[in-house]
Every structure is written in C-alpha cells, then in structure tokens.
Amino acid sequence: MSIKIQPLEFFNILYKNCKEGKLEIYYPDFNEHRIFPISNLKEKSLFFPRDREVNFRVIACDAKGRIDGNTAQVPAVWLEIDPNKTAKEEIKQKMENFKFKPSLAVISKNIRQYYWVLNVPLKLDQIEKLKDVLNKFATYFGGTIDLSVLDRFMRAPDQLSQAFKGEPVYYDLSQLEAAIPNSGPVNSESNEIPNPLEESVGIMEEDLGWD
C-alpha cells in the first residue's frame, strides 16, 4: 500500500543511506539552482512556488553543485515513464509482475517517476554499471533511456506533482538487475531471485492511479 508524503519526507527517504553530499534543486522557470545539505534538510528551506515545476539532481553533489569522486553518491535506481507514450495497461502489468516494487514515486499529469532506493549508495566508479541497469529498466518498462546519468534531473514533488512511498525496502543493484527478464542469471540453486523480505512490498501500481 502506498502513502502520499510531503517533499521533505520524500528526500529523507531517498537519501537516507547517503552519508554526505548535497541536494541540488533547480527551478527551470527562474533558471535558478539551490544547494541543500542532505544531512540536515529542513522543510522551511525547501522552496516550491505555486504552479511552477521544480526539479532536482538525483546524484548527491558538493557545495558548489559539482559531481566529484569524494561527495558524489547515487541513492537509487530510477525510472521515468511518459504515460502518453507507453500504454498504461502495459506498465501496470509489468509493474505487477516485477518482483521488487518501487520504494518511492513522483506522479504528475504527464510523467511517472519511480525509485528503488539502494541499501548502499553507488560511487562514481560504478556509474557505467548504473547506466546499464537504468537502460535495462527503461527498455523493459517502456521508459525514458538516460543519455547522461551525472546530469540527470528529475521532477521534485512540487505543487504540480505528488510523492508516494511504499514499505521501507532498500535494494542491492545486482539484485534489481537480476530481476529484469533476460537481464542476467538468477540464483542457480533455487532458481529464484533473491528477495530481502518474505513478501514483495513497496508501491503497488494500482495504488497510483493506473486503474
């Protein structure tokens, strides 16, 4: 069962396992960037103007918005789907069949964005592996293929969109990759994909308005 949440809780869940770095928020209508410490996010500091789109960089950056090997951390595997380009019945079926449900989602009129939060954030030396997994997710679910992971900005849960959370589940990158059909071998002994819980939990597609 998914639950609607406020922006502060969304960011705290997304970056829960990141020990350092900054959150970069971008206001395209004003062409303005703001930087916030991940370890001390405060709701009154997060500015979401009415009827304006707000974006954020997924990868944690440094105090000047730069991505470097010391501070950069990737908190999650993400997926963006345009419901105008991919049939909702197809997305619903694939989400229901996919073993691991998203930890978070941001839903707006024309876009659906999902996050599988990682138990251990990735460093820059794992970016190529991340790109491969992101592309496999996009191909399987009919989402947008990312051309530039380091500069990837996603929609923040602003006045024009809504954030949801599922059960507090955190995933391993290789675990997610193995769950994608035809993406690689699964557990050879049990022929099942490893699961951190007895049951698959998280955000269920029918809870997010696909019905």
Protein backbone atom coordinates (compact mmCIF):
# COMPACT_ATOMS: atom_id res chain seq x y z
CA MET A 1 0.00 0.00 0.00
CA SER A 2 1.42 3.37 -0.98
CA ILE A 3 1.08 6.55 1.10
CA LYS A 4 1.16 10.16 -0.03
CA ILE A 5 4.08 12.06 1.50
CA GLN A 6 5.44 15.59 1.62
CA PRO A 7 8.65 16.70 -0.20
CA LEU A 8 10.81 16.64 2.94
CA GLU A 9 9.94 13.02 3.72
CA PHE A 10 10.50 12.07 0.07
CA PHE A 11 14.04 13.44 0.09
CA ASN A 12 14.82 12.00 3.54
CA ILE A 13 13.84 8.51 2.35
CA LEU A 14 15.67 8.85 -0.97
CA TYR A 15 18.93 9.99 0.63
CA LYS A 16 18.61 8.04 3.89
CA ASN A 17 21.68 5.91 3.21
CA CYS A 18 23.85 8.75 1.87
CA LYS A 19 26.36 9.84 4.49
CA GLU A 20 27.45 13.06 2.80
CA GLY A 21 26.80 15.32 -0.17
CA LYS A 22 24.30 17.99 -1.11
CA LEU A 23 20.87 18.07 -2.71
CA GLU A 24 20.68 20.32 -5.77
CA ILE A 25 17.27 21.73 -6.66
CA TYR A 26 16.63 23.51 -9.94
CA TYR A 27 13.83 25.95 -10.77
CA PRO A 28 13.61 25.98 -14.61
CA ASP A 29 11.21 28.92 -14.77
CA PHE A 30 13.72 31.08 -12.89
CA ASN A 31 16.87 29.32 -14.14
CA GLU A 32 17.98 29.11 -10.51
CA HIS A 33 19.85 26.40 -8.60
CA ARG A 34 19.84 25.94 -4.82
CA ILE A 35 22.03 23.61 -2.76
CA PHE A 36 20.95 21.95 0.50
CA PRO A 37 22.87 19.63 2.87
CA ILE A 38 21.39 16.14 2.72
CA SER A 39 22.18 15.51 6.38
CA ASN A 40 20.13 18.49 7.56
CA LEU A 41 17.19 19.07 5.24
CA LYS A 42 14.52 21.39 6.66
CA GLU A 43 11.04 21.81 5.25
CA LYS A 44 11.09 25.59 5.58
CA SER A 45 14.23 25.74 3.43
CA LEU A 46 12.71 23.80 0.52
CA PHE A 47 11.02 26.34 -1.74
CA PHE A 48 8.23 25.11 -4.01
CA PRO A 49 6.48 28.02 -5.78
CA ARG A 50 2.84 27.60 -6.71
CA ASP A 51 2.13 26.31 -10.23
CA ARG A 52 5.84 26.06 -11.05
CA GLU A 53 7.85 23.00 -11.93
CA VAL A 54 10.72 22.07 -9.61
CA ASN A 55 13.49 19.57 -10.46
CA PHE A 56 16.36 18.01 -8.53
CA ARG A 57 19.60 16.26 -9.39
CA VAL A 58 19.40 12.62 -8.34
CA ILE A 59 23.12 12.24 -7.61
CA ALA A 60 24.32 13.98 -4.46
CA CYS A 61 26.79 16.77 -5.34
CA ASP A 62 29.24 19.02 -3.48
CA ALA A 63 28.55 22.50 -2.07
CA LYS A 64 29.05 24.09 -5.50
CA GLY A 65 26.86 21.66 -7.39
CA ARG A 66 29.83 19.71 -8.77
CA ILE A 67 29.94 15.94 -9.12
CA ASP A 68 33.23 14.53 -7.84
CA GLY A 69 34.55 11.26 -6.50
CA ASN A 70 34.58 12.39 -2.87
CA THR A 71 31.00 13.51 -2.37
CA ALA A 72 29.00 12.03 -5.26
CA GLN A 73 26.59 9.30 -4.23
CA VAL A 74 23.80 7.67 -6.21
CA PRO A 75 20.91 6.90 -3.84
CA ALA A 76 18.65 4.85 -6.10
CA VAL A 77 17.86 3.25 -9.42
CA TRP A 78 15.24 5.37 -11.16
CA LEU A 79 12.73 5.03 -13.96
CA GLU A 80 10.77 7.69 -15.84
CA ILE A 81 7.71 6.82 -17.91
CA ASP A 82 5.62 9.05 -20.13
CA PRO A 83 2.06 7.64 -19.92
CA ASN A 84 1.27 9.35 -23.22
CA LYS A 85 3.84 7.16 -24.99
CA THR A 86 3.50 3.85 -23.16
CA ALA A 87 0.11 2.18 -22.69
CA LYS A 88 -0.91 2.21 -19.04
CA GLU A 89 -2.13 -1.39 -19.26
CA GLU A 90 1.34 -2.49 -20.32
CA ILE A 91 3.01 -0.56 -17.50
CA LYS A 92 0.55 -1.86 -14.93
CA GLN A 93 1.11 -5.47 -15.98
CA LYS A 94 4.89 -5.16 -15.91
CA MET A 95 4.87 -3.40 -12.52
CA GLU A 96 2.65 -6.11 -11.09
CA ASN A 97 4.91 -8.84 -12.49
CA PHE A 98 8.16 -7.22 -11.40
CA LYS A 99 9.24 -8.80 -8.14
CA PHE A 100 10.60 -5.69 -6.44
CA LYS A 101 8.23 -2.76 -6.03
CA PRO A 102 9.47 0.87 -6.04
CA SER A 103 10.39 2.49 -2.74
CA LEU A 104 9.18 5.92 -3.92
CA ALA A 105 7.28 7.52 -6.77
CA VAL A 106 6.54 11.02 -8.03
CA ILE A 107 3.38 11.31 -10.09
CA SER A 108 2.26 14.29 -12.15
CA LYS A 109 -0.13 14.79 -15.05
CA ASN A 110 2.29 13.80 -17.80
CA ILE A 111 5.05 11.83 -16.09
CA ARG A 112 5.58 8.88 -13.75
CA GLN A 113 8.90 8.57 -11.93
CA TYR A 114 9.88 5.61 -9.75
CA TYR A 115 12.80 4.99 -7.39
CA TRP A 116 14.25 1.78 -5.99
CA VAL A 117 16.34 3.09 -3.10
CA LEU A 118 19.71 1.34 -2.68
CA ASN A 119 20.91 -0.05 0.62
CA VAL A 120 24.42 1.14 -0.25
CA PRO A 121 24.66 4.29 -2.44
CA LEU A 122 26.85 3.96 -5.52
CA LYS A 123 30.09 5.86 -6.12
CA LEU A 124 31.29 7.37 -9.37
CA ASP A 125 33.37 4.31 -10.27
CA GLN A 126 30.09 2.36 -10.56
CA ILE A 127 28.40 4.80 -12.95
CA GLU A 128 28.84 2.63 -16.05
CA LYS A 129 27.18 -0.28 -14.27
CA LEU A 130 24.38 2.01 -13.17
CA LYS A 131 23.83 3.22 -16.75
CA ASP A 132 23.48 -0.36 -17.91
CA VAL A 133 20.85 -1.13 -15.25
CA LEU A 134 18.96 2.11 -15.92
CA ASN A 135 18.79 1.31 -19.62
CA LYS A 136 17.55 -2.21 -18.91
CA PHE A 137 14.83 -0.82 -16.65
CA ALA A 138 13.81 1.73 -19.30
CA THR A 139 13.75 -0.90 -22.04
CA TYR A 140 11.70 -3.37 -20.02
CA PHE A 141 9.16 -0.87 -18.64
CA GLY A 142 8.96 1.33 -21.75
CA GLY A 143 10.57 4.29 -20.02
CA THR A 144 12.99 7.05 -20.98
CA ILE A 145 16.57 5.95 -21.64
CA ASP A 146 19.06 8.22 -19.88
CA LEU A 147 21.84 9.63 -22.02
CA SER A 148 23.57 11.49 -19.19
CA VAL A 149 23.34 9.99 -15.71
CA LEU A 150 25.57 12.54 -13.95
CA ASP A 151 23.43 15.48 -15.05
CA ARG A 152 20.09 13.75 -14.59
CA PHE A 153 17.45 15.99 -13.05
CA MET A 154 14.11 14.51 -12.06
CA ARG A 155 10.81 16.03 -11.04
CA ALA A 156 10.60 17.04 -7.40
CA PRO A 157 7.30 16.51 -5.54
CA ASP A 158 6.22 20.13 -6.06
CA GLN A 159 2.88 21.93 -6.30
CA LEU A 160 2.16 20.17 -9.61
CA SER A 161 3.03 16.61 -8.59
CA GLN A 162 2.61 14.17 -5.71
CA ALA A 163 5.09 11.90 -3.94
CA PHE A 164 4.28 8.41 -2.66
CA LYS A 165 6.19 5.94 -0.52
CA GLY A 166 5.87 2.20 -0.19
CA GLU A 167 7.20 -0.01 2.59
CA PRO A 168 10.76 0.90 3.70
CA VAL A 169 12.60 -1.52 1.43
CA TYR A 170 16.19 -0.99 0.24
CA TYR A 171 17.75 -2.90 -2.61
CA ASP A 172 21.08 -4.07 -3.95
CA LEU A 173 21.95 -3.02 -7.51
CA SER A 174 22.75 -6.55 -8.66
CA GLN A 175 19.50 -7.78 -7.13
CA LEU A 176 17.49 -5.31 -9.19
CA GLU A 177 19.40 -6.12 -12.36
CA ALA A 178 18.79 -9.85 -11.93
CA ALA A 179 15.06 -9.24 -11.56
CA ILE A 180 14.73 -7.81 -15.07
CA PRO A 181 13.73 -10.57 -17.53
CA ASN A 182 16.62 -11.61 -19.78
CA SER A 183 19.00 -9.28 -17.93
CA GLY A 184 21.20 -11.94 -16.40
CA PRO A 185 21.32 -15.16 -14.36
CA VAL A 186 19.24 -15.66 -11.26
CA ASN A 187 20.06 -17.74 -8.22
CA SER A 188 21.27 -21.04 -9.68
CA GLU A 189 20.41 -23.13 -6.63
CA SER A 190 16.80 -22.13 -6.07
CA ASN A 191 16.14 -20.62 -9.50
CA GLU A 192 14.57 -17.66 -7.67
CA ILE A 193 15.62 -14.04 -7.49
CA PRO A 194 16.94 -13.09 -4.04
CA ASN A 195 14.38 -11.11 -2.01
CA PRO A 196 15.17 -9.23 1.23
CA LEU A 197 11.65 -9.91 2.55
CA GLU A 198 9.27 -12.82 2.63
CA GLU A 199 6.78 -10.89 0.52
CA SER A 200 7.21 -8.34 -2.24
CA VAL A 201 6.33 -4.92 -0.81
CA GLY A 202 6.55 -1.32 -1.87
CA ILE A 203 4.45 0.90 -4.10
CA MET A 204 1.78 -1.06 -5.90
CA GLU A 205 0.87 0.23 -9.34
CA GLU A 206 -2.87 0.14 -8.76
CA ASP A 207 -2.41 2.48 -5.80
CA LEU A 208 -1.00 5.16 -8.09
CA GLY A 209 -4.00 5.69 -10.35
CA TRP A 210 -3.28 3.25 -13.21
CA ASP A 211 -6.71 1.64 -12.87
